[in-house]
Amino acid sequence: MSAEAYPASELQIQATPDSLSTYTFGSGKAKHQFCKHCGIYTFHETFRFPGHYRVNLGCIDEVDILNLDVELFDGKSLL
């Protein structure tokens, strides 16, 4: 399994705009979205693929994250 990045047209975000908060750092290109109520990371616009997004699978009701084979991503090594 790889960390796929999807264009906005392929995503359906079911949250009110006032429920999310955006965090950026460094160049400001990557935009990380967090829930203002519980603090969970929900999704982000990628640094390497602007206009494309990666989603926290724990936020998708139909996905059982405990049964996934995962690949660790070391974002620190991109710097």
PDB file of N, CA and C in Angstrom:
ATOM      1  N   MET A   1       0.851  -1.168   0.000  1.00  0.00           N
ATOM      2  CA  MET A   1       0.000   0.000   0.000  1.00  0.00           C
ATOM      3  C   MET A   1       0.896   1.230   0.000  1.00  0.00           C
ATOM      4  N   SER A   2       0.563   2.233  -0.799  1.00  0.00           N
ATOM      5  CA  SER A   2       1.339   3.464  -0.823  1.00  0.00           C
ATOM      6  C   SER A   2       0.474   4.627  -0.374  1.00  0.00           C
ATOM      7  N   ALA A   3       1.112   5.720  -0.064  1.00  0.00           N
ATOM      8  CA  ALA A   3       0.397   6.923   0.363  1.00  0.00           C
ATOM      9  C   ALA A   3      -0.061   7.669  -0.878  1.00  0.00           C
ATOM     10  N   GLU A   4      -1.257   7.379  -1.317  1.00  0.00           N
ATOM     11  CA  GLU A   4      -1.804   8.000  -2.522  1.00  0.00           C
ATOM     12  C   GLU A   4      -2.224   9.430  -2.246  1.00  0.00           C
ATOM     13  N   ALA A   5      -2.070  10.285  -3.242  1.00  0.00           N
ATOM     14  CA  ALA A   5      -2.554  11.661  -3.176  1.00  0.00           C
ATOM     15  C   ALA A   5      -3.665  11.794  -4.207  1.00  0.00           C
ATOM     16  N   TYR A   6      -4.796  12.328  -3.788  1.00  0.00           N
ATOM     17  CA  TYR A   6      -5.971  12.407  -4.644  1.00  0.00           C
ATOM     18  C   TYR A   6      -6.336  13.852  -4.943  1.00  0.00           C
ATOM     19  N   PRO A   7      -6.786  14.138  -6.181  1.00  0.00           N
ATOM     20  CA  PRO A   7      -7.244  15.499  -6.480  1.00  0.00           C
ATOM     21  C   PRO A   7      -8.521  15.806  -5.706  1.00  0.00           C
ATOM     22  N   ALA A   8      -8.763  17.074  -5.444  1.00  0.00           N
ATOM     23  CA  ALA A   8      -9.939  17.497  -4.675  1.00  0.00           C
ATOM     24  C   ALA A   8     -11.227  16.966  -5.287  1.00  0.00           C
ATOM     25  N   SER A   9     -11.277  16.819  -6.594  1.00  0.00           N
ATOM     26  CA  SER A   9     -12.496  16.346  -7.265  1.00  0.00           C
ATOM     27  C   SER A   9     -12.864  14.916  -6.869  1.00  0.00           C
ATOM     28  N   GLU A  10     -11.916  14.169  -6.305  1.00  0.00           N
ATOM     29  CA  GLU A  10     -12.181  12.791  -5.901  1.00  0.00           C
ATOM     30  C   GLU A  10     -12.498  12.651  -4.418  1.00  0.00           C
ATOM     31  N   LEU A  11     -12.547  13.772  -3.699  1.00  0.00           N
ATOM     32  CA  LEU A  11     -12.812  13.730  -2.267  1.00  0.00           C
ATOM     33  C   LEU A  11     -14.158  14.355  -1.948  1.00  0.00           C
ATOM     34  N   GLN A  12     -14.781  13.838  -0.921  1.00  0.00           N
ATOM     35  CA  GLN A  12     -16.022  14.420  -0.416  1.00  0.00           C
ATOM     36  C   GLN A  12     -15.834  14.604   1.089  1.00  0.00           C
ATOM     37  N   ILE A  13     -15.606  15.842   1.496  1.00  0.00           N
ATOM     38  CA  ILE A  13     -15.381  16.161   2.898  1.00  0.00           C
ATOM     39  C   ILE A  13     -16.727  16.465   3.543  1.00  0.00           C
ATOM     40  N   GLN A  14     -17.066  15.724   4.584  1.00  0.00           N
ATOM     41  CA  GLN A  14     -18.344  15.910   5.271  1.00  0.00           C
ATOM     42  C   GLN A  14     -18.094  16.553   6.636  1.00  0.00           C
ATOM     43  N   ALA A  15     -17.668  17.800   6.595  1.00  0.00           N
ATOM     44  CA  ALA A  15     -17.429  18.578   7.814  1.00  0.00           C
ATOM     45  C   ALA A  15     -17.800  20.017   7.516  1.00  0.00           C
ATOM     46  N   THR A  16     -18.351  20.685   8.499  1.00  0.00           N
ATOM     47  CA  THR A  16     -18.666  22.088   8.295  1.00  0.00           C
ATOM     48  C   THR A  16     -17.358  22.882   8.302  1.00  0.00           C
ATOM     49  N   PRO A  17     -17.263  23.934   7.499  1.00  0.00           N
ATOM     50  CA  PRO A  17     -16.012  24.702   7.416  1.00  0.00           C
ATOM     51  C   PRO A  17     -15.520  25.207   8.775  1.00  0.00           C
ATOM     52  N   ASP A  18     -16.426  25.497   9.698  1.00  0.00           N
ATOM     53  CA  ASP A  18     -16.008  25.988  11.010  1.00  0.00           C
ATOM     54  C   ASP A  18     -15.511  24.873  11.932  1.00  0.00           C
ATOM     55  N   SER A  19     -15.541  23.622  11.455  1.00  0.00           N
ATOM     56  CA  SER A  19     -15.065  22.488  12.257  1.00  0.00           C
ATOM     57  C   SER A  19     -13.590  22.195  12.041  1.00  0.00           C
ATOM     58  N   LEU A  20     -13.013  22.742  10.976  1.00  0.00           N
ATOM     59  CA  LEU A  20     -11.628  22.432  10.636  1.00  0.00           C
ATOM     60  C   LEU A  20     -10.718  23.632  10.845  1.00  0.00           C
ATOM     61  N   SER A  21      -9.482  23.338  11.182  1.00  0.00           N
ATOM     62  CA  SER A  21      -8.461  24.366  11.344  1.00  0.00           C
ATOM     63  C   SER A  21      -7.272  23.970  10.479  1.00  0.00           C
ATOM     64  N   THR A  22      -6.646  24.946   9.851  1.00  0.00           N
ATOM     65  CA  THR A  22      -5.518  24.688   8.960  1.00  0.00           C
ATOM     66  C   THR A  22      -4.203  25.031   9.646  1.00  0.00           C
ATOM     67  N   TYR A  23      -3.224  24.141   9.488  1.00  0.00           N
ATOM     68  CA  TYR A  23      -1.889  24.369  10.016  1.00  0.00           C
ATOM     69  C   TYR A  23      -0.906  24.270   8.859  1.00  0.00           C
ATOM     70  N   THR A  24      -0.028  25.260   8.729  1.00  0.00           N
ATOM     71  CA  THR A  24       1.040  25.215   7.736  1.00  0.00           C
ATOM     72  C   THR A  24       2.359  25.520   8.437  1.00  0.00           C
ATOM     73  N   PHE A  25       3.441  25.128   7.813  1.00  0.00           N
ATOM     74  CA  PHE A  25       4.766  25.434   8.350  1.00  0.00           C
ATOM     75  C   PHE A  25       5.749  25.494   7.196  1.00  0.00           C
ATOM     76  N   GLY A  26       6.936  25.978   7.464  1.00  0.00           N
ATOM     77  CA  GLY A  26       7.954  26.059   6.412  1.00  0.00           C
ATOM     78  C   GLY A  26       7.491  26.895   5.241  1.00  0.00           C
ATOM     79  N   SER A  27       7.427  26.290   4.074  1.00  0.00           N
ATOM     80  CA  SER A  27       7.051  26.996   2.850  1.00  0.00           C
ATOM     81  C   SER A  27       5.567  27.348   2.804  1.00  0.00           C
ATOM     82  N   GLY A  28       4.758  26.709   3.645  1.00  0.00           N
ATOM     83  CA  GLY A  28       3.315  26.962   3.639  1.00  0.00           C
ATOM     84  C   GLY A  28       2.579  26.251   2.520  1.00  0.00           C
ATOM     85  N   LYS A  29       3.296  25.446   1.728  1.00  0.00           N
ATOM     86  CA  LYS A  29       2.658  24.744   0.606  1.00  0.00           C
ATOM     87  C   LYS A  29       1.730  23.626   1.083  1.00  0.00           C
ATOM     88  N   ALA A  30       2.176  22.851   2.060  1.00  0.00           N
ATOM     89  CA  ALA A  30       1.336  21.780   2.602  1.00  0.00           C
ATOM     90  C   ALA A  30       0.372  22.406   3.601  1.00  0.00           C
ATOM     91  N   LYS A  31      -0.901  22.071   3.475  1.00  0.00           N
ATOM     92  CA  LYS A  31      -1.925  22.621   4.368  1.00  0.00           C
ATOM     93  C   LYS A  31      -2.606  21.466   5.103  1.00  0.00           C
ATOM     94  N   HIS A  32      -2.319  21.357   6.391  1.00  0.00           N
ATOM     95  CA  HIS A  32      -2.819  20.272   7.213  1.00  0.00           C
ATOM     96  C   HIS A  32      -4.113  20.692   7.896  1.00  0.00           C
ATOM     97  N   GLN A  33      -5.141  19.851   7.794  1.00  0.00           N
ATOM     98  CA  GLN A  33      -6.443  20.142   8.382  1.00  0.00           C
ATOM     99  C   GLN A  33      -6.634  19.317   9.653  1.00  0.00           C
ATOM    100  N   PHE A  34      -7.099  19.979  10.699  1.00  0.00           N
ATOM    101  CA  PHE A  34      -7.367  19.333  11.980  1.00  0.00           C
ATOM    102  C   PHE A  34      -8.783  19.670  12.427  1.00  0.00           C
ATOM    103  N   CYS A  35      -9.397  18.760  13.178  1.00  0.00           N
ATOM    104  CA  CYS A  35     -10.704  19.019  13.768  1.00  0.00           C
ATOM    105  C   CYS A  35     -10.525  19.991  14.931  1.00  0.00           C
ATOM    106  N   LYS A  36     -11.288  21.094  14.929  1.00  0.00           N
ATOM    107  CA  LYS A  36     -11.201  22.087  16.002  1.00  0.00           C
ATOM    108  C   LYS A  36     -11.751  21.558  17.324  1.00  0.00           C
ATOM    109  N   HIS A  37     -12.558  20.501  17.261  1.00  0.00           N
ATOM    110  CA  HIS A  37     -13.202  19.988  18.470  1.00  0.00           C
ATOM    111  C   HIS A  37     -12.366  18.924  19.186  1.00  0.00           C
ATOM    112  N   CYS A  38     -11.792  17.992  18.426  1.00  0.00           N
ATOM    113  CA  CYS A  38     -11.044  16.902  19.073  1.00  0.00           C
ATOM    114  C   CYS A  38      -9.553  16.918  18.749  1.00  0.00           C
ATOM    115  N   GLY A  39      -9.136  17.688  17.749  1.00  0.00           N
ATOM    116  CA  GLY A  39      -7.725  17.812  17.416  1.00  0.00           C
ATOM    117  C   GLY A  39      -7.174  16.778  16.457  1.00  0.00           C
ATOM    118  N   ILE A  40      -7.996  15.828  15.982  1.00  0.00           N
ATOM    119  CA  ILE A  40      -7.481  14.792  15.087  1.00  0.00           C
ATOM    120  C   ILE A  40      -7.063  15.399  13.751  1.00  0.00           C
ATOM    121  N   TYR A  41      -5.942  14.879  13.215  1.00  0.00           N
ATOM    122  CA  TYR A  41      -5.498  15.241  11.867  1.00  0.00           C
ATOM    123  C   TYR A  41      -6.450  14.544  10.902  1.00  0.00           C
ATOM    124  N   THR A  42      -7.055  15.290   9.997  1.00  0.00           N
ATOM    125  CA  THR A  42      -8.045  14.705   9.089  1.00  0.00           C
ATOM    126  C   THR A  42      -7.503  14.481   7.687  1.00  0.00           C
ATOM    127  N   PHE A  43      -6.895  15.512   7.090  1.00  0.00           N
ATOM    128  CA  PHE A  43      -6.338  15.390   5.747  1.00  0.00           C
ATOM    129  C   PHE A  43      -5.398  16.560   5.507  1.00  0.00           C
ATOM    130  N   HIS A  44      -4.639  16.497   4.407  1.00  0.00           N
ATOM    131  CA  HIS A  44      -3.779  17.629   4.064  1.00  0.00           C
ATOM    132  C   HIS A  44      -3.559  17.727   2.568  1.00  0.00           C
ATOM    133  N   GLU A  45      -3.348  18.956   2.124  1.00  0.00           N
ATOM    134  CA  GLU A  45      -2.915  19.206   0.747  1.00  0.00           C
ATOM    135  C   GLU A  45      -1.412  18.979   0.743  1.00  0.00           C
ATOM    136  N   THR A  46      -0.921  18.224  -0.210  1.00  0.00           N
ATOM    137  CA  THR A  46       0.472  17.799  -0.182  1.00  0.00           C
ATOM    138  C   THR A  46       1.449  18.896  -0.609  1.00  0.00           C
ATOM    139  N   PHE A  47       2.654  18.780  -0.115  1.00  0.00           N
ATOM    140  CA  PHE A  47       3.747  19.675  -0.485  1.00  0.00           C
ATOM    141  C   PHE A  47       4.203  19.389  -1.912  1.00  0.00           C
ATOM    142  N   ARG A  48       4.397  18.105  -2.207  1.00  0.00           N
ATOM    143  CA  ARG A  48       4.945  17.723  -3.519  1.00  0.00           C
ATOM    144  C   ARG A  48       3.918  17.746  -4.632  1.00  0.00           C
ATOM    145  N   PHE A  49       2.627  17.634  -4.295  1.00  0.00           N
ATOM    146  CA  PHE A  49       1.573  17.619  -5.312  1.00  0.00           C
ATOM    147  C   PHE A  49       0.482  18.607  -4.930  1.00  0.00           C
ATOM    148  N   PRO A  50       0.725  19.917  -5.067  1.00  0.00           N
ATOM    149  CA  PRO A  50      -0.300  20.903  -4.713  1.00  0.00           C
ATOM    150  C   PRO A  50      -1.614  20.615  -5.442  1.00  0.00           C
ATOM    151  N   GLY A  51      -2.728  20.802  -4.741  1.00  0.00           N
ATOM    152  CA  GLY A  51      -4.040  20.494  -5.312  1.00  0.00           C
ATOM    153  C   GLY A  51      -4.436  19.040  -5.135  1.00  0.00           C
ATOM    154  N   HIS A  52      -3.548  18.243  -4.519  1.00  0.00           N
ATOM    155  CA  HIS A  52      -3.819  16.841  -4.229  1.00  0.00           C
ATOM    156  C   HIS A  52      -3.760  16.646  -2.712  1.00  0.00           C
ATOM    157  N   TYR A  53      -4.511  15.657  -2.253  1.00  0.00           N
ATOM    158  CA  TYR A  53      -4.703  15.491  -0.810  1.00  0.00           C
ATOM    159  C   TYR A  53      -4.442  14.065  -0.368  1.00  0.00           C
ATOM    160  N   ARG A  54      -3.998  13.953   0.876  1.00  0.00           N
ATOM    161  CA  ARG A  54      -3.878  12.662   1.554  1.00  0.00           C
ATOM    162  C   ARG A  54      -4.812  12.718   2.747  1.00  0.00           C
ATOM    163  N   VAL A  55      -5.432  11.572   3.045  1.00  0.00           N
ATOM    164  CA  VAL A  55      -6.487  11.522   4.055  1.00  0.00           C
ATOM    165  C   VAL A  55      -6.103  10.556   5.167  1.00  0.00           C
ATOM    166  N   ASN A  56      -6.415  10.917   6.404  1.00  0.00           N
ATOM    167  CA  ASN A  56      -6.250  10.034   7.550  1.00  0.00           C
ATOM    168  C   ASN A  56      -7.327   8.952   7.438  1.00  0.00           C
ATOM    169  N   LEU A  57      -6.926   7.723   7.171  1.00  0.00           N
ATOM    170  CA  LEU A  57      -7.900   6.643   6.978  1.00  0.00           C
ATOM    171  C   LEU A  57      -8.735   6.381   8.215  1.00  0.00           C
ATOM    172  N   GLY A  58      -8.265   6.793   9.372  1.00  0.00           N
ATOM    173  CA  GLY A  58      -9.042   6.658  10.598  1.00  0.00           C
ATOM    174  C   GLY A  58     -10.286   7.536  10.600  1.00  0.00           C
ATOM    175  N   CYS A  59     -10.366   8.473   9.658  1.00  0.00           N
ATOM    176  CA  CYS A  59     -11.528   9.365   9.554  1.00  0.00           C
ATOM    177  C   CYS A  59     -12.571   8.859   8.569  1.00  0.00           C
ATOM    178  N   ILE A  60     -12.331   7.706   7.980  1.00  0.00           N
ATOM    179  CA  ILE A  60     -13.279   7.142   7.004  1.00  0.00           C
ATOM    180  C   ILE A  60     -14.022   5.990   7.661  1.00  0.00           C
ATOM    181  N   ASP A  61     -15.331   6.147   7.802  1.00  0.00           N
ATOM    182  CA  ASP A  61     -16.150   5.163   8.518  1.00  0.00           C
ATOM    183  C   ASP A  61     -16.020   3.749   7.967  1.00  0.00           C
ATOM    184  N   GLU A  62     -15.898   3.595   6.660  1.00  0.00           N
ATOM    185  CA  GLU A  62     -15.896   2.276   6.032  1.00  0.00           C
ATOM    186  C   GLU A  62     -14.554   1.552   6.128  1.00  0.00           C
ATOM    187  N   VAL A  63     -13.537   2.195   6.680  1.00  0.00           N
ATOM    188  CA  VAL A  63     -12.200   1.604   6.732  1.00  0.00           C
ATOM    189  C   VAL A  63     -11.878   1.168   8.158  1.00  0.00           C
ATOM    190  N   ASP A  64     -11.483  -0.102   8.303  1.00  0.00           N
ATOM    191  CA  ASP A  64     -11.029  -0.622   9.592  1.00  0.00           C
ATOM    192  C   ASP A  64      -9.509  -0.546   9.601  1.00  0.00           C
ATOM    193  N   ILE A  65      -8.971   0.495  10.207  1.00  0.00           N
ATOM    194  CA  ILE A  65      -7.528   0.730  10.140  1.00  0.00           C
ATOM    195  C   ILE A  65      -6.708  -0.348  10.849  1.00  0.00           C
ATOM    196  N   LEU A  66      -7.327  -1.084  11.751  1.00  0.00           N
ATOM    197  CA  LEU A  66      -6.589  -2.131  12.459  1.00  0.00           C
ATOM    198  C   LEU A  66      -6.326  -3.345  11.586  1.00  0.00           C
ATOM    199  N   ASN A  67      -6.998  -3.432  10.442  1.00  0.00           N
ATOM    200  CA  ASN A  67      -6.800  -4.559   9.532  1.00  0.00           C
ATOM    201  C   ASN A  67      -6.036  -4.186   8.268  1.00  0.00           C
ATOM    202  N   LEU A  68      -5.336  -3.047   8.286  1.00  0.00           N
ATOM    203  CA  LEU A  68      -4.581  -2.606   7.115  1.00  0.00           C
ATOM    204  C   LEU A  68      -3.111  -2.965   7.243  1.00  0.00           C
ATOM    205  N   ASP A  69      -2.493  -3.325   6.111  1.00  0.00           N
ATOM    206  CA  ASP A  69      -1.042  -3.423   6.053  1.00  0.00           C
ATOM    207  C   ASP A  69      -0.561  -1.999   5.826  1.00  0.00           C
ATOM    208  N   VAL A  70       0.328  -1.514   6.659  1.00  0.00           N
ATOM    209  CA  VAL A  70       0.734  -0.121   6.544  1.00  0.00           C
ATOM    210  C   VAL A  70       2.198   0.011   6.145  1.00  0.00           C
ATOM    211  N   GLU A  71       2.501   1.105   5.491  1.00  0.00           N
ATOM    212  CA  GLU A  71       3.859   1.463   5.123  1.00  0.00           C
ATOM    213  C   GLU A  71       4.166   2.774   5.832  1.00  0.00           C
ATOM    214  N   LEU A  72       5.217   2.801   6.620  1.00  0.00           N
ATOM    215  CA  LEU A  72       5.578   4.018   7.327  1.00  0.00           C
ATOM    216  C   LEU A  72       6.178   5.019   6.356  1.00  0.00           C
ATOM    217  N   PHE A  73       5.802   6.274   6.522  1.00  0.00           N
ATOM    218  CA  PHE A  73       6.293   7.347   5.668  1.00  0.00           C
ATOM    219  C   PHE A  73       7.133   8.287   6.514  1.00  0.00           C
ATOM    220  N   ASP A  74       8.379   8.473   6.138  1.00  0.00           N
ATOM    221  CA  ASP A  74       9.294   9.338   6.884  1.00  0.00           C
ATOM    222  C   ASP A  74       9.388  10.690   6.193  1.00  0.00           C
ATOM    223  N   GLY A  75       8.446  11.580   6.512  1.00  0.00           N
ATOM    224  CA  GLY A  75       8.422  12.901   5.913  1.00  0.00           C
ATOM    225  C   GLY A  75       9.634  13.754   6.270  1.00  0.00           C
ATOM    226  N   LYS A  76      10.231  13.479   7.413  1.00  0.00           N
ATOM    227  CA  LYS A  76      11.398  14.242   7.836  1.00  0.00           C
ATOM    228  C   LYS A  76      12.546  14.105   6.829  1.00  0.00           C
ATOM    229  N   SER A  77      12.659  12.941   6.201  1.00  0.00           N
ATOM    230  CA  SER A  77      13.770  12.712   5.271  1.00  0.00           C
ATOM    231  C   SER A  77      13.605  13.507   3.970  1.00  0.00           C
ATOM    232  N   LEU A  78      12.452  14.132   3.746  1.00  0.00           N
ATOM    233  CA  LEU A  78      12.243  14.932   2.539  1.00  0.00           C
ATOM    234  C   LEU A  78      12.926  16.290   2.627  1.00  0.00           C
ATOM    235  N   LEU A  79      13.252  16.718   3.828  1.00  0.00           N
ATOM    236  CA  LEU A  79      13.840  18.054   4.011  1.00  0.00           C
ATOM    237  C   LEU A  79      15.250  18.134   3.506  1.00  0.00           C
TER     238      LEU A  79
END
